[in-house]
PDB file of all heavy atoms in Angstrom:
ATOM      1  N   SER A   1      86.536  14.615  44.069  1.00  0.00           N
ATOM      2  CA  SER A   1      87.174  14.455  42.762  1.00  0.00           C
ATOM      3  C   SER A   1      86.595  15.438  41.741  1.00  0.00           C
ATOM      4  O   SER A   1      85.403  15.735  41.755  1.00  0.00           O
ATOM      5  CB  SER A   1      86.959  13.024  42.256  1.00  0.00           C
ATOM      6  OG  SER A   1      87.359  12.907  40.914  1.00  0.00           O
ATOM      7  N   ASP A   2      87.433  15.901  40.847  1.00  0.00           N
ATOM      8  CA  ASP A   2      86.971  16.766  39.762  1.00  0.00           C
ATOM      9  C   ASP A   2      86.583  15.959  38.523  1.00  0.00           C
ATOM     10  O   ASP A   2      86.062  16.503  37.563  1.00  0.00           O
ATOM     11  CB  ASP A   2      88.065  17.778  39.382  1.00  0.00           C
ATOM     12  CG  ASP A   2      88.316  18.776  40.501  1.00  0.00           C
ATOM     13  OD1 ASP A   2      87.352  19.156  41.188  1.00  0.00           O
ATOM     14  OD2 ASP A   2      89.484  19.161  40.691  1.00  0.00           O
ATOM     15  N   GLU A   3      86.851  14.660  38.531  1.00  0.00           N
ATOM     16  CA  GLU A   3      86.539  13.798  37.392  1.00  0.00           C
ATOM     17  C   GLU A   3      85.027  13.643  37.248  1.00  0.00           C
ATOM     18  O   GLU A   3      84.340  13.232  38.181  1.00  0.00           O
ATOM     19  CB  GLU A   3      87.189  12.428  37.585  1.00  0.00           C
ATOM     20  CG  GLU A   3      87.034  11.521  36.390  1.00  0.00           C
ATOM     21  CD  GLU A   3      87.738  10.191  36.592  1.00  0.00           C
ATOM     22  OE1 GLU A   3      88.705  10.127  37.373  1.00  0.00           O
ATOM     23  OE2 GLU A   3      87.293   9.208  35.979  1.00  0.00           O
ATOM     24  N   LYS A   4      84.517  13.994  36.081  1.00  0.00           N
ATOM     25  CA  LYS A   4      83.071  13.937  35.833  1.00  0.00           C
ATOM     26  C   LYS A   4      82.640  12.509  35.475  1.00  0.00           C
ATOM     27  O   LYS A   4      83.312  11.829  34.707  1.00  0.00           O
ATOM     28  CB  LYS A   4      82.694  14.868  34.668  1.00  0.00           C
ATOM     29  CG  LYS A   4      83.161  16.293  34.840  1.00  0.00           C
ATOM     30  CD  LYS A   4      82.351  17.019  35.860  1.00  0.00           C
ATOM     31  CE  LYS A   4      82.668  18.493  35.868  1.00  0.00           C
ATOM     32  NZ  LYS A   4      83.101  19.017  37.099  1.00  0.00           N
ATOM     33  N   PRO A   5      81.530  12.059  36.027  1.00  0.00           N
ATOM     34  CA  PRO A   5      81.042  10.729  35.665  1.00  0.00           C
ATOM     35  C   PRO A   5      80.463  10.755  34.254  1.00  0.00           C
ATOM     36  O   PRO A   5      80.008  11.800  33.780  1.00  0.00           O
ATOM     37  CB  PRO A   5      79.943  10.467  36.694  1.00  0.00           C
ATOM     38  CG  PRO A   5      79.465  11.811  37.081  1.00  0.00           C
ATOM     39  CD  PRO A   5      80.655  12.720  36.981  1.00  0.00           C
ATOM     40  N   ARG A   6      80.500   9.626  33.616  1.00  0.00           N
ATOM     41  CA  ARG A   6      79.869   9.539  32.300  1.00  0.00           C
ATOM     42  C   ARG A   6      79.162   8.209  32.189  1.00  0.00           C
ATOM     43  O   ARG A   6      79.616   7.199  32.717  1.00  0.00           O
ATOM     44  CB  ARG A   6      80.856   9.756  31.172  1.00  0.00           C
ATOM     45  CG  ARG A   6      82.138   9.120  31.319  1.00  0.00           C
ATOM     46  CD  ARG A   6      83.164   9.569  30.280  1.00  0.00           C
ATOM     47  NE  ARG A   6      84.370   8.834  30.572  1.00  0.00           N
ATOM     48  CZ  ARG A   6      84.628   7.627  30.111  1.00  0.00           C
ATOM     49  NH1 ARG A   6      83.816   7.058  29.275  1.00  0.00           N
ATOM     50  NH2 ARG A   6      85.717   6.999  30.473  1.00  0.00           N
ATOM     51  N   GLU A   7      78.061   8.264  31.510  1.00  0.00           N
ATOM     52  CA  GLU A   7      77.240   7.079  31.319  1.00  0.00           C
ATOM     53  C   GLU A   7      77.951   6.106  30.393  1.00  0.00           C
ATOM     54  O   GLU A   7      78.496   6.502  29.366  1.00  0.00           O
ATOM     55  CB  GLU A   7      75.907   7.515  30.692  1.00  0.00           C
ATOM     56  CG  GLU A   7      74.754   6.665  31.078  1.00  0.00           C
ATOM     57  CD  GLU A   7      73.461   7.239  30.553  1.00  0.00           C
ATOM     58  OE1 GLU A   7      72.987   8.253  31.099  1.00  0.00           O
ATOM     59  OE2 GLU A   7      72.936   6.660  29.590  1.00  0.00           O
ATOM     60  N   GLN A   8      77.957   4.832  30.750  1.00  0.00           N
ATOM     61  CA  GLN A   8      78.554   3.790  29.925  1.00  0.00           C
ATOM     62  C   GLN A   8      77.552   3.385  28.845  1.00  0.00           C
ATOM     63  O   GLN A   8      76.348   3.441  29.060  1.00  0.00           O
ATOM     64  CB  GLN A   8      78.869   2.556  30.783  1.00  0.00           C
ATOM     65  CG  GLN A   8      79.787   2.832  31.936  1.00  0.00           C
ATOM     66  CD  GLN A   8      81.238   2.754  31.547  1.00  0.00           C
ATOM     67  OE1 GLN A   8      81.617   2.002  30.680  1.00  0.00           O
ATOM     68  NE2 GLN A   8      82.052   3.554  32.205  1.00  0.00           N
ATOM     69  N   GLY A   9      78.051   2.960  27.718  1.00  0.00           N
ATOM     70  CA  GLY A   9      77.182   2.437  26.669  1.00  0.00           C
ATOM     71  C   GLY A   9      76.576   1.111  27.106  1.00  0.00           C
ATOM     72  O   GLY A   9      77.096   0.437  27.989  1.00  0.00           O
ATOM     73  N   ALA A  10      75.473   0.751  26.496  1.00  0.00           N
ATOM     74  CA  ALA A  10      74.804  -0.504  26.831  1.00  0.00           C
ATOM     75  C   ALA A  10      75.682  -1.683  26.442  1.00  0.00           C
ATOM     76  O   ALA A  10      76.326  -1.675  25.403  1.00  0.00           O
ATOM     77  CB  ALA A  10      73.463  -0.585  26.118  1.00  0.00           C
ATOM     78  N   SER A  11      75.709  -2.699  27.298  1.00  0.00           N
ATOM     79  CA  SER A  11      76.480  -3.905  27.032  1.00  0.00           C
ATOM     80  C   SER A  11      75.837  -5.059  27.777  1.00  0.00           C
ATOM     81  O   SER A  11      75.527  -4.948  28.952  1.00  0.00           O
ATOM     82  CB  SER A  11      77.929  -3.733  27.491  1.00  0.00           C
ATOM     83  OG  SER A  11      78.604  -4.964  27.453  1.00  0.00           O
ATOM     84  N   ARG A  12      75.671  -6.172  27.083  1.00  0.00           N
ATOM     85  CA  ARG A  12      75.105  -7.351  27.745  1.00  0.00           C
ATOM     86  C   ARG A  12      76.163  -8.132  28.498  1.00  0.00           C
ATOM     87  O   ARG A  12      75.845  -8.895  29.395  1.00  0.00           O
ATOM     88  CB  ARG A  12      74.444  -8.244  26.706  1.00  0.00           C
ATOM     89  CG  ARG A  12      73.216  -7.608  26.131  1.00  0.00           C
ATOM     90  CD  ARG A  12      72.531  -8.518  25.193  1.00  0.00           C
ATOM     91  NE  ARG A  12      71.368  -7.812  24.675  1.00  0.00           N
ATOM     92  CZ  ARG A  12      70.589  -8.272  23.764  1.00  0.00           C
ATOM     93  NH1 ARG A  12      70.807  -9.436  23.224  1.00  0.00           N
ATOM     94  NH2 ARG A  12      69.558  -7.567  23.364  1.00  0.00           N
ATOM     95  N   SER A  13      77.418  -7.961  28.119  1.00  0.00           N
ATOM     96  CA  SER A  13      78.474  -8.755  28.739  1.00  0.00           C
ATOM     97  C   SER A  13      79.053  -8.105  29.994  1.00  0.00           C
ATOM     98  O   SER A  13      79.583  -8.786  30.852  1.00  0.00           O
ATOM     99  CB  SER A  13      79.604  -9.007  27.734  1.00  0.00           C
ATOM    100  OG  SER A  13      80.175  -7.782  27.330  1.00  0.00           O
ATOM    101  N   ARG A  14      78.945  -6.797  30.125  1.00  0.00           N
ATOM    102  CA  ARG A  14      79.507  -6.095  31.277  1.00  0.00           C
ATOM    103  C   ARG A  14      78.564  -6.231  32.475  1.00  0.00           C
ATOM    104  O   ARG A  14      77.359  -6.074  32.354  1.00  0.00           O
ATOM    105  CB  ARG A  14      79.716  -4.619  30.927  1.00  0.00           C
ATOM    106  CG  ARG A  14      80.565  -3.909  31.926  1.00  0.00           C
ATOM    107  CD  ARG A  14      80.935  -2.489  31.529  1.00  0.00           C
ATOM    108  NE  ARG A  14      79.804  -1.752  30.986  1.00  0.00           N
ATOM    109  CZ  ARG A  14      79.787  -1.218  29.776  1.00  0.00           C
ATOM    110  NH1 ARG A  14      80.811  -1.333  28.974  1.00  0.00           N
ATOM    111  NH2 ARG A  14      78.737  -0.550  29.347  1.00  0.00           N
ATOM    112  N   THR A  15      79.141  -6.507  33.634  1.00  0.00           N
ATOM    113  CA  THR A  15      78.322  -6.676  34.841  1.00  0.00           C
ATOM    114  C   THR A  15      78.264  -5.422  35.695  1.00  0.00           C
ATOM    115  O   THR A  15      77.597  -5.399  36.714  1.00  0.00           O
ATOM    116  CB  THR A  15      78.851  -7.840  35.710  1.00  0.00           C
ATOM    117  OG1 THR A  15      80.209  -7.547  36.052  1.00  0.00           O
ATOM    118  CG2 THR A  15      78.765  -9.155  34.965  1.00  0.00           C
ATOM    119  N   SER A  16      78.978  -4.374  35.296  1.00  0.00           N
ATOM    120  CA  SER A  16      78.922  -3.113  36.029  1.00  0.00           C
ATOM    121  C   SER A  16      78.831  -1.977  35.021  1.00  0.00           C
ATOM    122  O   SER A  16      78.854  -2.199  33.821  1.00  0.00           O
ATOM    123  CB  SER A  16      80.158  -2.953  36.919  1.00  0.00           C
ATOM    124  OG  SER A  16      81.310  -2.847  36.111  1.00  0.00           O
ATOM    125  N   GLY A  17      78.730  -0.747  35.536  1.00  0.00           N
ATOM    126  CA  GLY A  17      78.707   0.408  34.647  1.00  0.00           C
ATOM    127  C   GLY A  17      77.317   0.813  34.202  1.00  0.00           C
ATOM    128  O   GLY A  17      77.164   1.610  33.279  1.00  0.00           O
ATOM    129  N   ARG A  18      76.304   0.302  34.870  1.00  0.00           N
ATOM    130  CA  ARG A  18      74.929   0.635  34.489  1.00  0.00           C
ATOM    131  C   ARG A  18      74.260   1.608  35.450  1.00  0.00           C
ATOM    132  O   ARG A  18      73.104   1.968  35.278  1.00  0.00           O
ATOM    133  CB  ARG A  18      74.092  -0.643  34.424  1.00  0.00           C
ATOM    134  CG  ARG A  18      74.577  -1.600  33.378  1.00  0.00           C
ATOM    135  CD  ARG A  18      73.675  -2.807  33.298  1.00  0.00           C
ATOM    136  NE  ARG A  18      74.165  -3.700  32.281  1.00  0.00           N
ATOM    137  CZ  ARG A  18      74.351  -4.985  32.446  1.00  0.00           C
ATOM    138  NH1 ARG A  18      74.070  -5.545  33.610  1.00  0.00           N
ATOM    139  NH2 ARG A  18      74.798  -5.730  31.473  1.00  0.00           N
ATOM    140  N   GLY A  19      74.983   2.045  36.472  1.00  0.00           N
ATOM    141  CA  GLY A  19      74.403   2.881  37.518  1.00  0.00           C
ATOM    142  C   GLY A  19      73.814   4.187  37.022  1.00  0.00           C
ATOM    143  O   GLY A  19      72.689   4.543  37.387  1.00  0.00           O
ATOM    144  N   LEU A  20      74.540   4.920  36.202  1.00  0.00           N
ATOM    145  CA  LEU A  20      74.018   6.199  35.731  1.00  0.00           C
ATOM    146  C   LEU A  20      72.868   6.023  34.751  1.00  0.00           C
ATOM    147  O   LEU A  20      71.976   6.877  34.680  1.00  0.00           O
ATOM    148  CB  LEU A  20      75.138   7.038  35.117  1.00  0.00           C
ATOM    149  CG  LEU A  20      76.158   7.563  36.127  1.00  0.00           C
ATOM    150  CD1 LEU A  20      77.273   8.321  35.421  1.00  0.00           C
ATOM    151  CD2 LEU A  20      75.502   8.426  37.181  1.00  0.00           C
ATOM    152  N   ARG A  21      72.854   4.923  34.016  1.00  0.00           N
ATOM    153  CA  ARG A  21      71.704   4.636  33.147  1.00  0.00           C
ATOM    154  C   ARG A  21      70.461   4.415  34.014  1.00  0.00           C
ATOM    155  O   ARG A  21      69.367   4.862  33.685  1.00  0.00           O
ATOM    156  CB  ARG A  21      71.977   3.426  32.263  1.00  0.00           C
ATOM    157  CG  ARG A  21      73.066   3.680  31.226  1.00  0.00           C
ATOM    158  CD  ARG A  21      73.416   2.432  30.451  1.00  0.00           C
ATOM    159  NE  ARG A  21      72.321   1.951  29.626  1.00  0.00           N
ATOM    160  CZ  ARG A  21      72.049   2.404  28.406  1.00  0.00           C
ATOM    161  NH1 ARG A  21      72.790   3.359  27.872  1.00  0.00           N
ATOM    162  NH2 ARG A  21      71.042   1.900  27.722  1.00  0.00           N
ATOM    163  N   LEU A  22      70.647   3.729  35.131  1.00  0.00           N
ATOM    164  CA  LEU A  22      69.555   3.498  36.070  1.00  0.00           C
ATOM    165  C   LEU A  22      69.091   4.810  36.687  1.00  0.00           C
ATOM    166  O   LEU A  22      67.887   5.073  36.779  1.00  0.00           O
ATOM    167  CB  LEU A  22      70.017   2.522  37.153  1.00  0.00           C
ATOM    168  CG  LEU A  22      68.995   2.071  38.170  1.00  0.00           C
ATOM    169  CD1 LEU A  22      67.840   1.339  37.491  1.00  0.00           C
ATOM    170  CD2 LEU A  22      69.639   1.166  39.191  1.00  0.00           C
ATOM    171  N   VAL A  23      70.038   5.648  37.097  1.00  0.00           N
ATOM    172  CA  VAL A  23      69.696   6.961  37.659  1.00  0.00           C
ATOM    173  C   VAL A  23      68.886   7.757  36.635  1.00  0.00           C
ATOM    174  O   VAL A  23      67.871   8.368  36.964  1.00  0.00           O
ATOM    175  CB  VAL A  23      70.964   7.733  38.090  1.00  0.00           C
ATOM    176  CG1 VAL A  23      70.648   9.185  38.407  1.00  0.00           C
ATOM    177  CG2 VAL A  23      71.616   7.056  39.287  1.00  0.00           C
ATOM    178  N   GLY A  24      69.327   7.744  35.380  1.00  0.00           N
ATOM    179  CA  GLY A  24      68.611   8.458  34.320  1.00  0.00           C
ATOM    180  C   GLY A  24      67.213   7.926  34.093  1.00  0.00           C
ATOM    181  O   GLY A  24      66.279   8.691  33.829  1.00  0.00           O
ATOM    182  N   ALA A  25      67.040   6.623  34.209  1.00  0.00           N
ATOM    183  CA  ALA A  25      65.727   6.012  33.990  1.00  0.00           C
ATOM    184  C   ALA A  25      64.756   6.303  35.133  1.00  0.00           C
ATOM    185  O   ALA A  25      63.556   6.453  34.909  1.00  0.00           O
ATOM    186  CB  ALA A  25      65.880   4.505  33.814  1.00  0.00           C
ATOM    187  N   LEU A  26      65.262   6.416  36.357  1.00  0.00           N
ATOM    188  CA  LEU A  26      64.395   6.596  37.526  1.00  0.00           C
ATOM    189  C   LEU A  26      64.141   8.059  37.887  1.00  0.00           C
ATOM    190  O   LEU A  26      63.211   8.356  38.626  1.00  0.00           O
ATOM    191  CB  LEU A  26      64.988   5.879  38.742  1.00  0.00           C
ATOM    192  CG  LEU A  26      65.047   4.355  38.657  1.00  0.00           C
ATOM    193  CD1 LEU A  26      65.781   3.792  39.866  1.00  0.00           C
ATOM    194  CD2 LEU A  26      63.660   3.762  38.529  1.00  0.00           C
ATOM    195  N   SER A  27      64.982   8.961  37.386  1.00  0.00           N
ATOM    196  CA  SER A  27      64.820  10.376  37.728  1.00  0.00           C
ATOM    197  C   SER A  27      64.330  11.158  36.512  1.00  0.00           C
ATOM    198  O   SER A  27      64.369  10.670  35.389  1.00  0.00           O
ATOM    199  CB  SER A  27      66.154  10.946  38.232  1.00  0.00           C
ATOM    200  OG  SER A  27      67.125  10.918  37.214  1.00  0.00           O
TER     201      SER A  27
END
């Protein structure tokens, strides 16, 4: 895919969309 991933904003109610934030925190 040519679609670029983008980090989702922080949310306490959302149960997904935190993967890239995690990648950023660990790398």
